[in-house]
Amino acid sequence: MWFSALIKGSRGEKLVLSASPLITKDQGDAAMFDPILLRAADAEIVSDAPGSEITLLADSETTDGGFTANRATLKDGVFGTPAHFHTRATEFFFVLEGKLQVLVEETLHTLEKGDFLAVPPKVPHAFGPAAGSDADVLVTFTPGMARFDYYRLLDRVARGEADPAEIAASSKQYDNHYVDSPVWRAARGR
């Protein structure tokens, strides 16, 4: 069985994203999960900065560790993420609308609607909307791990309800390790 996600673009078009084969119930004792349907009206949305929303779609507890998925909606002018890497997860980006500027190692790329990028473990990367554009992006991690509480922490920090030091302290727990990138800072005007 192949994992496929049907995504509705802002103009009503249907986009299909397929990923690696998943394990089914009839494959012995291997890990599996039940089908997941999350209606847009039921999705939790958090914000890590003004103009930046993260819609929480599926976390490892509902996918039996298979993947974690969210939708990042970034308005023009939002900084985006600091440069970082993950030690265990591959991170996938699929641009639904707009343009996304992405740093991979020390190279900048601009992804447009329909573009896909996979960043393997231990590769420093960052992302934000390209200059003059909003970006709407499906972001998926595999294997999955409990990341929703990380996004909720970012939301609390943005609202002044948590100390930013908690983000650095949680790097191992959420496999999100920040690094300095002069290339990224210069590209984002900082």
Protein backbone atom coordinates (compact mmCIF):
# COMPACT_ATOMS: atom_id res chain seq x y z
CA MET A 1 0.00 0.00 0.00
CA TRP A 2 1.27 3.47 -0.85
CA PHE A 3 0.55 6.48 1.34
CA SER A 4 -1.24 9.16 -0.66
CA ALA A 5 -2.55 12.51 0.51
CA LEU A 6 -5.22 14.34 -1.43
CA ILE A 7 -4.76 18.07 -1.01
CA LYS A 8 -7.12 20.79 -2.17
CA GLY A 9 -5.27 23.83 -3.50
CA SER A 10 -6.58 27.37 -2.99
CA ARG A 11 -8.16 27.34 -6.45
CA GLY A 12 -10.00 24.08 -5.77
CA GLU A 13 -7.65 21.87 -7.76
CA LYS A 14 -6.79 18.46 -6.36
CA LEU A 15 -3.14 17.66 -5.76
CA VAL A 16 -1.97 14.18 -4.82
CA LEU A 17 1.23 13.55 -2.87
CA SER A 18 2.44 9.95 -2.70
CA ALA A 19 5.21 8.72 -0.44
CA SER A 20 6.91 5.47 0.51
CA PRO A 21 5.00 2.22 0.97
CA LEU A 22 3.34 1.84 4.34
CA ILE A 23 2.82 -1.40 6.18
CA THR A 24 -0.68 -2.86 6.15
CA LYS A 25 -2.53 -4.97 8.71
CA ASP A 26 -1.91 -8.19 6.81
CA GLN A 27 1.87 -7.84 6.96
CA GLY A 28 2.39 -9.59 10.27
CA ASP A 29 3.45 -7.88 13.47
CA ALA A 30 4.85 -4.81 11.75
CA ALA A 31 3.73 -1.35 12.86
CA MET A 32 0.60 0.06 11.26
CA PHE A 33 -2.07 2.66 11.83
CA ASP A 34 -5.71 3.20 10.97
CA PRO A 35 -6.66 5.58 8.16
CA ILE A 36 -6.57 9.20 9.24
CA LEU A 37 -9.15 11.75 8.15
CA LEU A 38 -8.84 15.25 9.57
CA ARG A 39 -11.39 17.80 8.42
CA ALA A 40 -10.01 21.32 7.94
CA ALA A 41 -12.54 22.69 10.44
CA ASP A 42 -11.23 20.30 13.11
CA ALA A 43 -7.51 20.96 12.64
CA GLU A 44 -5.55 22.71 15.38
CA ILE A 45 -3.75 25.83 14.14
CA VAL A 46 -0.86 27.41 16.04
CA SER A 47 1.36 30.37 15.20
CA ASP A 48 5.07 30.82 15.80
CA ALA A 49 5.09 34.45 14.58
CA PRO A 50 2.66 37.01 13.15
CA GLY A 51 1.82 35.88 9.61
CA SER A 52 2.99 32.31 10.21
CA GLU A 53 0.46 29.56 10.89
CA ILE A 54 1.10 25.86 11.43
CA THR A 55 -1.86 23.55 10.91
CA LEU A 56 -1.31 20.30 12.80
CA LEU A 57 -2.40 17.38 10.59
CA ALA A 58 -1.00 14.06 11.85
CA ASP A 59 1.54 13.25 14.54
CA SER A 60 3.45 10.07 15.31
CA GLU A 61 0.95 8.92 17.94
CA THR A 62 -1.76 8.67 15.26
CA THR A 63 0.56 7.22 12.59
CA ASP A 64 2.30 4.65 14.79
CA GLY A 65 5.55 6.53 14.21
CA GLY A 66 5.20 6.44 10.43
CA PHE A 67 5.17 10.18 9.79
CA THR A 68 4.32 13.61 11.13
CA ALA A 69 2.58 16.18 8.91
CA ASN A 70 1.66 19.84 9.11
CA ARG A 71 0.73 22.67 6.80
CA ALA A 72 2.81 25.85 7.03
CA THR A 73 1.06 29.00 5.82
CA LEU A 74 3.58 31.83 5.63
CA LYS A 75 2.79 35.43 4.68
CA ASP A 76 5.20 37.58 2.67
CA GLY A 77 7.80 39.13 4.98
CA VAL A 78 7.77 36.37 7.62
CA PHE A 79 11.32 35.32 8.54
CA GLY A 80 10.58 31.60 8.53
CA THR A 81 12.62 29.06 10.44
CA PRO A 82 16.16 29.48 11.70
CA ALA A 83 18.70 27.11 10.14
CA HIS A 84 18.45 23.70 11.78
CA PHE A 85 18.78 19.96 11.18
CA HIS A 86 17.19 16.73 12.37
CA THR A 87 19.27 13.71 13.37
CA ARG A 88 16.61 11.06 12.69
CA ALA A 89 13.95 12.43 10.35
CA THR A 90 13.81 13.22 6.66
CA GLU A 91 11.75 16.39 6.11
CA PHE A 92 9.62 16.74 2.97
CA PHE A 93 8.30 20.00 1.52
CA PHE A 94 5.53 20.22 -1.09
CA VAL A 95 4.54 23.74 -2.15
CA LEU A 96 0.76 24.10 -2.45
CA GLU A 97 0.74 27.81 -3.34
CA GLY A 98 3.21 30.67 -3.64
CA LYS A 99 6.98 30.49 -3.45
CA LEU A 100 9.19 29.11 -0.69
CA GLN A 101 12.82 30.06 -0.19
CA VAL A 102 14.77 27.12 1.23
CA LEU A 103 18.33 26.81 2.47
CA VAL A 104 19.86 23.34 2.00
CA GLU A 105 23.32 23.18 3.54
CA GLU A 106 24.57 26.59 2.31
CA THR A 107 22.68 26.73 -0.99
CA LEU A 108 19.49 28.74 -1.48
CA HIS A 109 16.63 27.40 -3.59
CA THR A 110 13.26 28.87 -4.51
CA LEU A 111 10.47 26.31 -4.68
CA GLU A 112 7.28 27.17 -6.53
CA LYS A 113 3.79 25.68 -6.58
CA GLY A 114 4.01 21.94 -7.18
CA ASP A 115 7.72 21.70 -6.31
CA PHE A 116 8.89 19.01 -3.90
CA LEU A 117 12.03 18.80 -1.75
CA ALA A 118 13.27 16.03 0.57
CA VAL A 119 15.95 16.95 3.13
CA PRO A 120 17.66 13.91 4.69
CA PRO A 121 18.74 13.67 8.33
CA LYS A 122 21.72 15.77 9.49
CA VAL A 123 21.48 18.23 6.57
CA PRO A 124 21.16 21.84 7.77
CA HIS A 125 18.18 23.62 6.23
CA ALA A 126 15.73 26.48 6.75
CA PHE A 127 12.68 27.83 4.98
CA GLY A 128 10.51 30.92 4.67
CA PRO A 129 8.36 32.62 2.05
CA ALA A 130 10.30 33.94 -0.93
CA ALA A 131 10.51 37.74 -1.16
CA GLY A 132 7.30 39.20 -2.53
CA SER A 133 5.32 35.99 -2.04
CA ASP A 134 3.26 34.08 0.47
CA ALA A 135 3.90 30.34 0.78
CA ASP A 136 1.53 27.50 1.61
CA VAL A 137 3.44 24.27 2.19
CA LEU A 138 2.75 20.68 3.22
CA VAL A 139 5.59 19.62 5.54
CA THR A 140 6.06 15.96 6.43
CA PHE A 141 8.63 14.13 8.53
CA THR A 142 9.45 10.44 8.42
CA PRO A 143 9.87 8.58 10.61
CA GLY A 144 7.35 10.46 12.66
CA MET A 145 7.94 11.63 16.18
CA ALA A 146 5.84 13.62 18.62
CA ARG A 147 6.34 17.15 17.22
CA PHE A 148 2.97 18.77 17.87
CA ASP A 149 4.05 19.81 21.37
CA TYR A 150 7.08 21.51 19.79
CA TYR A 151 4.78 23.61 17.59
CA ARG A 152 2.61 24.39 20.61
CA LEU A 153 5.74 25.52 22.47
CA LEU A 154 6.62 27.86 19.57
CA ASP A 155 3.08 29.25 19.78
CA ARG A 156 3.38 29.86 23.54
CA VAL A 157 6.75 31.59 23.07
CA ALA A 158 5.29 33.80 20.32
CA ARG A 159 2.44 34.80 22.67
CA GLY A 160 4.88 35.53 25.52
CA GLU A 161 3.62 32.61 27.62
CA ALA A 162 6.87 30.60 27.55
CA ASP A 163 10.56 31.42 27.69
CA PRO A 164 12.46 31.17 24.36
CA ALA A 165 15.15 29.21 26.25
CA GLU A 166 12.66 26.32 26.37
CA ILE A 167 13.04 25.93 22.60
CA ALA A 168 16.80 25.33 22.85
CA ALA A 169 16.29 23.06 25.86
CA SER A 170 13.88 20.89 23.84
CA SER A 171 16.18 20.28 20.84
CA LYS A 172 16.93 16.64 21.66
CA GLN A 173 13.32 15.83 22.61
CA TYR A 174 11.95 17.14 19.31
CA ASP A 175 15.03 16.41 17.14
CA ASN A 176 15.30 20.05 16.11
CA HIS A 177 18.91 21.27 16.35
CA TYR A 178 19.63 24.91 15.48
CA VAL A 179 22.78 26.00 13.68
CA ASP A 180 24.09 29.37 12.54
CA SER A 181 23.96 30.14 8.84
CA PRO A 182 25.32 33.50 7.68
CA VAL A 183 23.94 32.66 4.22
CA TRP A 184 20.41 32.25 5.60
CA ARG A 185 20.62 35.33 7.82
CA ALA A 186 21.79 37.43 4.85
CA ALA A 187 19.07 36.00 2.57
CA ARG A 188 16.40 36.85 5.15
CA GLY A 189 17.79 40.34 5.83
CA ARG A 190 19.17 39.71 9.32
